[in-house]
Amino acid sequence: MADHRNHDAVRRSYDTVAEEYATRLHDELDAKPLDRALLASLVEQTGQDGPVADLGCGPGHVTAHLAALGARPVGVDLSPGMVAEARRRHPGLEFRQGDLLDLPAEDGEFAAAVALYTVIHLDPDELLPAFTEAHRVLRPSGLLLVSFHRGAEIRHLDDWWGHDVNLDFHFLSTDAVADHLTEAGFTLEARLERAPHPQEAQTPRTYLQARRL
């Protein structure tokens, strides 16, 4: 059984902000053209060959976007509150509650997966187990798109929009994440970096696309 250590604090924090998070960020992709382009590319490469996992789906807005692109998405989130919000807002889509270290999915169930700003809540020594678990649920040659804040700091929040939370945001080294993906059995196919948009937290961003061997 996976050791989930600090994940209870993350789960409780996102349960606390689930409704407000959904209200504030449900349309955030409208102002993120690169994110939309990368998601469209992933769906085009995957085709209709199988379902796509949205790991750390939050209130389901990325899951819904994948569906609009023609994918068959399945949203997965640690927070039951987020899963409930996603189901309420997107009743025609499938959502599951689960941990990145112990995904609620069969071996090789998905043709592709996205993890947008999800691994930032993992401790550094949990990155490899998380990518190994993603490898397990992907089919051979399945794609994984990962995004994260780039850097070396840890930002802690104990107040988020007036709600009491206990969240660490880990900024990550692009090279370190790429190395973990390789060690987990992926080959890196694309590496993109961008500056933050004006409406975002002012942090540099990295996107990595990797393919399961």
Protein backbone atom coordinates (compact mmCIF):
# COMPACT_ATOMS: atom_id res chain seq x y z
CA MET A 1 0.00 0.00 0.00
CA ALA A 2 1.36 3.43 -0.89
CA ASP A 3 2.54 5.70 1.91
CA HIS A 4 0.43 8.83 1.56
CA ARG A 5 2.11 10.71 4.42
CA ASN A 6 1.21 14.39 3.98
CA HIS A 7 -1.59 13.84 1.50
CA ASP A 8 -4.32 14.16 4.14
CA ALA A 9 -3.47 17.85 4.54
CA VAL A 10 -3.64 18.36 0.77
CA ARG A 11 -6.97 16.51 0.62
CA ARG A 12 -8.51 18.56 3.43
CA SER A 13 -7.23 21.82 1.97
CA TYR A 14 -8.73 21.21 -1.45
CA ASP A 15 -11.98 19.99 0.10
CA THR A 16 -12.13 23.34 1.90
CA VAL A 17 -11.68 25.47 -1.23
CA ALA A 18 -13.40 23.20 -3.78
CA GLU A 19 -16.47 25.34 -4.42
CA GLU A 20 -14.61 28.64 -4.60
CA TYR A 21 -11.81 27.13 -6.66
CA ALA A 22 -14.36 25.93 -9.22
CA THR A 23 -16.09 29.30 -9.31
CA ARG A 24 -12.86 31.24 -9.79
CA LEU A 25 -10.97 28.91 -12.15
CA HIS A 26 -13.56 27.01 -14.18
CA ASP A 27 -12.70 29.04 -17.30
CA GLU A 28 -8.95 29.46 -16.76
CA LEU A 29 -8.07 27.62 -19.99
CA ASP A 30 -9.69 30.44 -21.96
CA ALA A 31 -6.60 32.55 -21.21
CA LYS A 32 -4.02 29.76 -21.66
CA PRO A 33 -3.47 29.21 -25.39
CA LEU A 34 -0.38 27.05 -24.96
CA ASP A 35 -2.16 24.72 -22.54
CA ARG A 36 -5.04 24.36 -25.00
CA ALA A 37 -2.63 23.67 -27.86
CA LEU A 38 -0.80 20.99 -25.90
CA LEU A 39 -4.04 19.32 -24.87
CA ALA A 40 -5.26 19.39 -28.47
CA SER A 41 -1.98 17.87 -29.64
CA LEU A 42 -2.22 15.09 -27.08
CA VAL A 43 -5.79 14.26 -28.12
CA GLU A 44 -4.85 14.33 -31.81
CA GLN A 45 -1.96 11.94 -31.20
CA THR A 46 -4.09 9.65 -29.05
CA GLY A 47 -7.08 9.60 -31.40
CA GLN A 48 -9.98 7.39 -30.35
CA ASP A 49 -7.75 4.56 -29.17
CA GLY A 50 -8.71 4.79 -25.52
CA PRO A 51 -9.61 6.93 -22.51
CA VAL A 52 -7.48 9.82 -21.28
CA ALA A 53 -6.83 10.33 -17.56
CA ASP A 54 -6.90 13.85 -16.11
CA LEU A 55 -4.78 13.36 -12.99
CA GLY A 56 -5.49 15.99 -10.37
CA CYS A 57 -8.60 17.07 -12.23
CA GLY A 58 -9.90 19.48 -9.57
CA PRO A 59 -13.41 20.68 -10.49
CA GLY A 60 -13.21 19.02 -13.90
CA HIS A 61 -12.65 21.94 -16.26
CA VAL A 62 -9.67 20.31 -18.02
CA THR A 63 -11.56 17.01 -18.15
CA ALA A 64 -14.46 18.82 -19.84
CA HIS A 65 -12.07 20.49 -22.28
CA LEU A 66 -10.62 17.11 -23.23
CA ALA A 67 -14.13 15.82 -23.85
CA ALA A 68 -14.89 18.82 -26.06
CA LEU A 69 -11.79 17.93 -28.10
CA GLY A 70 -13.21 14.47 -28.75
CA ALA A 71 -11.38 12.49 -26.07
CA ARG A 72 -12.94 10.04 -23.62
CA PRO A 73 -11.60 11.54 -20.39
CA VAL A 74 -11.67 10.22 -16.83
CA GLY A 75 -10.94 12.78 -14.10
CA VAL A 76 -9.09 11.67 -10.96
CA ASP A 77 -8.55 13.80 -7.88
CA LEU A 78 -7.33 13.32 -4.32
CA SER A 79 -10.06 15.55 -2.90
CA PRO A 80 -13.59 14.14 -2.53
CA GLY A 81 -14.82 17.74 -2.44
CA MET A 82 -13.25 18.45 -5.81
CA VAL A 83 -14.65 15.23 -7.26
CA ALA A 84 -18.12 16.15 -6.01
CA GLU A 85 -17.80 19.62 -7.55
CA ALA A 86 -16.61 18.10 -10.85
CA ARG A 87 -19.54 15.69 -10.95
CA ARG A 88 -21.98 18.49 -10.20
CA ARG A 89 -20.63 20.74 -12.93
CA HIS A 90 -20.02 18.00 -15.52
CA PRO A 91 -22.61 15.28 -14.88
CA GLY A 92 -21.97 13.49 -18.18
CA LEU A 93 -18.31 12.79 -17.43
CA GLU A 94 -16.59 10.21 -15.24
CA PHE A 95 -14.68 11.22 -12.13
CA ARG A 96 -12.89 9.08 -9.54
CA GLN A 97 -11.35 9.87 -6.17
CA GLY A 98 -7.79 8.67 -5.77
CA ASP A 99 -4.14 9.36 -4.99
CA LEU A 100 -1.32 9.83 -7.52
CA LEU A 101 0.62 7.12 -5.70
CA ASP A 102 -2.26 4.65 -5.84
CA LEU A 103 -4.43 5.46 -8.85
CA PRO A 104 -7.96 4.00 -9.07
CA ALA A 105 -7.33 2.40 -12.46
CA GLU A 106 -6.41 -0.90 -14.04
CA ASP A 107 -3.02 -1.66 -15.55
CA GLY A 108 -2.87 -0.15 -19.03
CA GLU A 109 -6.35 1.36 -18.79
CA PHE A 110 -5.49 4.71 -20.39
CA ALA A 111 -4.16 5.68 -23.79
CA ALA A 112 -2.87 9.01 -22.43
CA ALA A 113 -2.81 11.09 -19.26
CA VAL A 114 -2.37 14.71 -18.26
CA ALA A 115 -1.14 15.98 -14.90
CA LEU A 116 -1.37 19.78 -14.93
CA TYR A 117 0.10 21.35 -11.78
CA THR A 118 -0.60 18.16 -9.83
CA VAL A 119 2.84 16.83 -8.93
CA ILE A 120 3.65 20.15 -7.22
CA HIS A 121 2.01 18.85 -4.04
CA LEU A 122 4.22 15.77 -3.87
CA ASP A 123 7.36 15.51 -1.79
CA PRO A 124 10.46 15.22 -4.00
CA ASP A 125 10.92 11.54 -3.17
CA GLU A 126 7.34 10.85 -4.29
CA LEU A 127 7.87 11.99 -7.87
CA LEU A 128 9.38 8.73 -9.09
CA PRO A 129 6.67 6.57 -7.44
CA ALA A 130 3.99 8.84 -8.95
CA PHE A 131 5.46 8.55 -12.45
CA THR A 132 5.86 4.79 -11.99
CA GLU A 133 2.17 4.61 -11.10
CA ALA A 134 1.28 6.71 -14.16
CA HIS A 135 3.36 4.29 -16.24
CA ARG A 136 1.36 1.39 -14.81
CA VAL A 137 -2.04 2.77 -15.85
CA LEU A 138 -0.89 3.80 -19.35
CA ARG A 139 -0.81 1.51 -22.34
CA PRO A 140 2.47 0.93 -24.18
CA SER A 141 3.27 4.09 -26.19
CA GLY A 142 0.76 6.08 -24.12
CA LEU A 143 1.45 9.79 -23.70
CA LEU A 144 1.83 11.69 -20.43
CA LEU A 145 1.72 15.51 -20.29
CA VAL A 146 3.04 17.04 -17.05
CA SER A 147 3.19 20.71 -16.09
CA PHE A 148 4.63 22.38 -13.01
CA HIS A 149 6.09 25.56 -11.56
CA ARG A 150 9.81 25.70 -12.29
CA GLY A 151 12.35 26.48 -9.58
CA ALA A 152 13.73 25.23 -6.27
CA GLU A 153 11.51 26.82 -3.61
CA ILE A 154 8.58 25.60 -1.55
CA ARG A 155 5.69 28.02 -1.08
CA HIS A 156 3.36 27.34 1.83
CA LEU A 157 -0.25 28.50 2.11
CA ASP A 158 -2.21 28.53 5.33
CA ASP A 159 -4.85 30.92 3.98
CA TRP A 160 -6.37 30.64 0.50
CA TRP A 161 -9.13 33.08 -0.43
CA GLY A 162 -9.96 33.42 3.26
CA HIS A 163 -10.07 29.66 3.90
CA ASP A 164 -7.77 27.86 6.34
CA VAL A 165 -5.52 25.45 4.42
CA ASN A 166 -2.23 23.63 4.86
CA LEU A 167 -0.61 23.37 1.44
CA ASP A 168 2.94 23.20 0.17
CA PHE A 169 3.63 24.07 -3.48
CA HIS A 170 6.91 22.52 -4.62
CA PHE A 171 8.69 24.28 -7.47
CA LEU A 172 10.59 21.70 -9.48
CA SER A 173 13.72 21.38 -11.58
CA THR A 174 12.92 20.56 -15.19
CA ASP A 175 15.95 18.29 -15.46
CA ALA A 176 15.05 16.44 -12.25
CA VAL A 177 11.49 15.81 -13.38
CA ALA A 178 12.70 14.67 -16.79
CA ASP A 179 15.16 12.28 -15.12
CA HIS A 180 12.39 10.81 -12.94
CA LEU A 181 10.20 10.28 -16.00
CA THR A 182 13.03 8.46 -17.75
CA GLU A 183 13.70 6.32 -14.68
CA ALA A 184 9.99 5.44 -14.49
CA GLY A 185 10.04 4.07 -18.03
CA PHE A 186 9.16 7.05 -20.22
CA THR A 187 11.00 8.66 -23.10
CA LEU A 188 10.85 12.45 -23.25
CA GLU A 189 9.38 13.82 -26.48
CA ALA A 190 8.81 17.52 -25.78
CA ARG A 191 10.01 20.13 -23.32
CA LEU A 192 8.47 23.60 -23.26
CA GLU A 193 8.91 26.52 -20.89
CA ARG A 194 6.95 29.74 -20.67
CA ALA A 195 6.64 32.89 -18.61
CA PRO A 196 3.49 33.37 -16.55
CA HIS A 197 0.42 35.06 -17.98
CA PRO A 198 -0.61 38.31 -16.24
CA GLN A 199 -3.60 36.72 -14.50
CA GLU A 200 -1.54 33.83 -13.08
CA ALA A 201 0.79 33.49 -10.13
CA GLN A 202 4.03 35.00 -11.41
CA THR A 203 6.05 31.80 -11.65
CA PRO A 204 7.87 30.24 -14.62
CA ARG A 205 6.16 27.14 -16.02
CA THR A 206 7.43 23.91 -17.59
CA TYR A 207 5.58 21.35 -19.72
CA LEU A 208 6.99 17.90 -20.42
CA GLN A 209 5.47 15.37 -22.80
CA ALA A 210 6.69 11.82 -22.38
CA ARG A 211 5.79 8.49 -23.94
CA ARG A 212 5.53 5.20 -22.08
CA LEU A 213 8.02 2.66 -23.36
